[in-house]
């Protein structure tokens, strides 16, 4: 069995190595990672490509066994949505005595009221703080999630700020998945 050893690698390298294995046509292989975030990111990527994924815990790694039954389902493109938004800050514009936070809250509130919610919202850099329950934008993100918007939260960023365990809306993700999801839409937008 082919093995992708992605232990000790920073995001998004485990997903990229897995993607390379899929692109080579491997239909059955194992991916070794050393943390839950990497395991979740790799499993989500594989499942989106049509693989069945079985997770097992070892002493020094998490082993994801990937298998695909039909070659036709391998590499199925993800469904394109209408709009993908990447937020790179928890405020809009420069710091200005609270105005940037008010503008961000207004922007998300407007998205909630819109006829069609964005298909994906990605939170990068300080924007990941909006995924915390104490954020003034948290409720709007929950409403967008409930309307079907995929909320992706950068795991490298949450780790940097020491808030990974406190994230209460969205999915801890990685740069590969975020860029594929946002820039795979028909209208990708970056705000921040």
Protein backbone atom coordinates (compact mmCIF):
# COMPACT_ATOMS: atom_id res chain seq x y z
CA UNK A 1 0.00 0.00 0.00
CA UNK A 2 1.26 3.51 -0.81
CA UNK A 3 1.93 5.66 2.25
CA UNK A 4 1.98 9.46 2.42
CA UNK A 5 3.98 10.38 5.51
CA UNK A 6 2.88 13.91 6.36
CA UNK A 7 3.82 13.83 10.05
CA UNK A 8 5.50 16.98 11.31
CA UNK A 9 4.52 19.03 8.25
CA UNK A 10 2.85 22.42 8.51
CA UNK A 11 -0.46 23.23 6.86
CA UNK A 12 -1.26 22.89 3.98
CA UNK A 13 1.55 20.43 3.11
CA UNK A 14 -0.34 17.27 4.26
CA UNK A 15 -3.22 18.11 1.90
CA UNK A 16 -0.87 18.99 -0.96
CA UNK A 17 1.02 15.68 -0.63
CA UNK A 18 -2.32 13.85 -0.54
CA UNK A 19 -3.49 15.75 -3.63
CA UNK A 20 -0.31 14.74 -5.49
CA UNK A 21 -0.98 11.10 -4.64
CA UNK A 22 -4.56 11.36 -5.91
CA UNK A 23 -3.35 13.06 -9.12
CA UNK A 24 -0.98 10.13 -9.74
CA UNK A 25 -4.06 7.91 -9.90
CA UNK A 26 -3.67 6.09 -6.59
CA UNK A 27 -6.98 4.54 -5.63
CA UNK A 28 -5.96 3.03 -2.30
CA UNK A 29 -3.34 4.49 0.05
CA UNK A 30 -2.70 5.66 3.62
CA UNK A 31 -1.87 9.12 4.90
CA UNK A 32 0.00 9.49 8.18
CA UNK A 33 -0.45 12.77 10.08
CA UNK A 34 0.34 13.77 13.64
CA UNK A 35 -2.55 16.05 14.64
CA UNK A 36 -6.34 16.24 14.47
CA UNK A 37 -6.48 19.40 12.33
CA UNK A 38 -4.32 17.83 9.62
CA UNK A 39 -6.39 14.63 9.83
CA UNK A 40 -9.65 16.58 9.39
CA UNK A 41 -8.25 18.62 6.49
CA UNK A 42 -6.92 15.56 4.64
CA UNK A 43 -10.11 13.55 5.27
CA UNK A 44 -12.31 16.41 3.98
CA UNK A 45 -10.15 16.74 0.85
CA UNK A 46 -10.31 13.00 0.16
CA UNK A 47 -14.06 12.77 0.77
CA UNK A 48 -14.62 15.68 -1.63
CA UNK A 49 -12.71 13.64 -4.21
CA UNK A 50 -14.96 10.60 -3.70
CA UNK A 51 -12.73 8.53 -1.40
CA UNK A 52 -13.94 6.50 1.56
CA UNK A 53 -11.75 7.39 4.54
CA UNK A 54 -11.10 5.28 7.63
CA UNK A 55 -9.26 6.91 10.55
CA UNK A 56 -7.13 4.93 13.00
CA UNK A 57 -5.03 6.18 15.90
CA UNK A 58 -1.49 4.90 16.34
CA UNK A 59 1.09 5.68 19.00
CA UNK A 60 2.83 8.37 16.95
CA UNK A 61 0.36 9.13 14.19
CA UNK A 62 -3.17 9.23 12.93
CA UNK A 63 -3.55 6.95 9.93
CA UNK A 64 -6.13 7.78 7.28
CA UNK A 65 -6.81 4.86 4.97
CA UNK A 66 -8.22 6.14 1.68
CA UNK A 67 -9.95 4.01 -0.90
CA UNK A 68 -12.01 4.83 -3.94
CA UNK A 69 -14.24 2.25 -5.60
CA UNK A 70 -14.90 3.85 -8.96
CA UNK A 71 -12.43 5.72 -11.12
CA UNK A 72 -15.28 7.89 -12.41
CA UNK A 73 -15.74 9.51 -9.01
CA UNK A 74 -12.04 10.23 -8.54
CA UNK A 75 -11.23 13.90 -8.93
CA UNK A 76 -14.85 15.02 -9.15
CA UNK A 77 -14.74 18.80 -9.21
CA UNK A 78 -16.31 20.60 -6.32
CA UNK A 79 -19.60 22.35 -7.00
CA UNK A 80 -18.99 25.96 -7.86
CA UNK A 81 -20.99 28.48 -5.89
CA UNK A 82 -21.86 32.00 -6.73
CA UNK A 83 -19.65 33.97 -4.36
CA UNK A 84 -16.64 33.22 -2.19
CA UNK A 85 -15.34 35.81 0.26
CA UNK A 86 -11.96 35.77 1.99
CA UNK A 87 -11.74 38.09 4.99
CA UNK A 88 -8.17 38.86 6.07
CA UNK A 89 -9.00 41.13 9.00
CA UNK A 90 -11.64 41.42 11.70
CA UNK A 91 -12.15 45.07 10.74
CA UNK A 92 -12.73 46.87 7.47
CA UNK A 93 -10.22 49.62 6.74
CA UNK A 94 -7.67 51.03 9.15
CA UNK A 95 -8.06 50.99 12.91
CA UNK A 96 -10.18 54.03 13.66
CA UNK A 97 -11.60 53.89 17.16
CA UNK A 98 -14.09 51.10 16.53
CA UNK A 99 -15.31 52.18 13.08
CA UNK A 100 -13.62 49.22 11.34
CA UNK A 101 -15.47 46.75 13.59
CA UNK A 102 -18.80 48.53 12.96
CA UNK A 103 -18.19 48.36 9.20
CA UNK A 104 -17.33 44.62 9.37
CA UNK A 105 -20.46 43.91 11.42
CA UNK A 106 -22.53 45.91 8.92
CA UNK A 107 -20.98 44.03 5.99
CA UNK A 108 -21.76 40.61 7.49
CA UNK A 109 -25.24 41.77 8.51
CA UNK A 110 -25.89 42.86 4.93
CA UNK A 111 -24.73 39.46 3.64
CA UNK A 112 -27.20 37.78 6.03
CA UNK A 113 -30.03 39.92 4.64
CA UNK A 114 -29.05 39.34 1.01
CA UNK A 115 -31.20 37.25 -1.31
CA UNK A 116 -28.44 34.67 -1.79
CA UNK A 117 -25.81 33.94 0.83
CA UNK A 118 -22.19 33.45 -0.26
CA UNK A 119 -21.29 29.82 -0.87
CA UNK A 120 -18.09 30.13 1.18
CA UNK A 121 -16.53 32.57 3.61
CA UNK A 122 -12.90 32.10 4.60
CA UNK A 123 -11.40 33.76 7.66
CA UNK A 124 -7.66 34.46 7.55
CA UNK A 125 -5.20 36.39 9.72
CA UNK A 126 -7.04 38.42 12.40
CA UNK A 127 -10.41 37.64 10.76
CA UNK A 128 -10.31 34.27 12.54
CA UNK A 129 -11.17 36.15 15.74
CA UNK A 130 -14.67 36.68 14.30
CA UNK A 131 -15.28 32.93 14.76
CA UNK A 132 -15.07 33.29 18.55
CA UNK A 133 -18.32 33.38 20.53
CA UNK A 134 -17.48 36.79 22.05
CA UNK A 135 -17.03 38.50 18.67
CA UNK A 136 -19.56 41.12 17.61
CA UNK A 137 -19.69 39.33 14.22
CA UNK A 138 -20.17 35.79 15.57
CA UNK A 139 -23.97 35.72 15.34
CA UNK A 140 -23.89 36.87 11.70
CA UNK A 141 -21.44 34.10 10.82
CA UNK A 142 -23.75 31.59 12.54
CA UNK A 143 -26.71 32.89 10.52
CA UNK A 144 -24.73 32.61 7.28
CA UNK A 145 -23.67 29.06 8.21
CA UNK A 146 -27.32 28.21 8.86
CA UNK A 147 -28.21 29.54 5.40
CA UNK A 148 -25.71 27.12 3.85
CA UNK A 149 -22.51 29.17 3.70
CA UNK A 150 -19.39 27.11 4.31
CA UNK A 151 -17.28 28.95 6.92
CA UNK A 152 -13.58 28.02 6.69
CA UNK A 153 -11.25 29.21 9.46
CA UNK A 154 -7.48 29.18 8.86
CA UNK A 155 -5.86 26.73 11.28
CA UNK A 156 -2.42 28.32 10.97
CA UNK A 157 -3.96 31.66 11.98
CA UNK A 158 -5.91 30.25 14.93
CA UNK A 159 -2.74 28.53 16.12
CA UNK A 160 -0.81 31.80 15.80
CA UNK A 161 -3.36 33.65 17.97
CA UNK A 162 -3.73 30.69 20.38
CA UNK A 163 -7.48 30.42 19.81
CA UNK A 164 -7.94 27.11 17.97
CA UNK A 165 -9.89 25.47 20.79
CA UNK A 166 -12.12 28.57 21.21
CA UNK A 167 -13.40 28.70 17.60
CA UNK A 168 -17.16 28.16 17.80
CA UNK A 169 -18.35 28.65 14.22
CA UNK A 170 -16.90 27.24 11.03
CA UNK A 171 -14.43 24.50 10.21
CA UNK A 172 -10.71 24.71 11.00
CA UNK A 173 -9.17 24.56 7.54
CA UNK A 174 -5.97 25.10 5.61
CA UNK A 175 -4.62 27.38 2.91
CA UNK A 176 -5.09 24.80 0.16
CA UNK A 177 -8.77 24.18 0.91
CA UNK A 178 -9.45 27.89 1.48
CA UNK A 179 -7.93 29.04 -1.81
CA UNK A 180 -9.61 26.20 -3.74
CA UNK A 181 -13.00 26.99 -2.17
CA UNK A 182 -12.89 30.79 -2.51
CA UNK A 183 -11.19 31.05 -5.88
CA UNK A 184 -13.20 28.13 -7.24
CA UNK A 185 -16.37 30.24 -7.11
CA UNK A 186 -17.58 32.42 -9.94
CA UNK A 187 -17.12 35.61 -7.85
CA UNK A 188 -14.13 35.43 -5.49
CA UNK A 189 -13.74 38.51 -3.28
CA UNK A 190 -10.98 39.42 -0.80
CA UNK A 191 -11.80 41.91 1.98
CA UNK A 192 -9.32 43.10 4.55
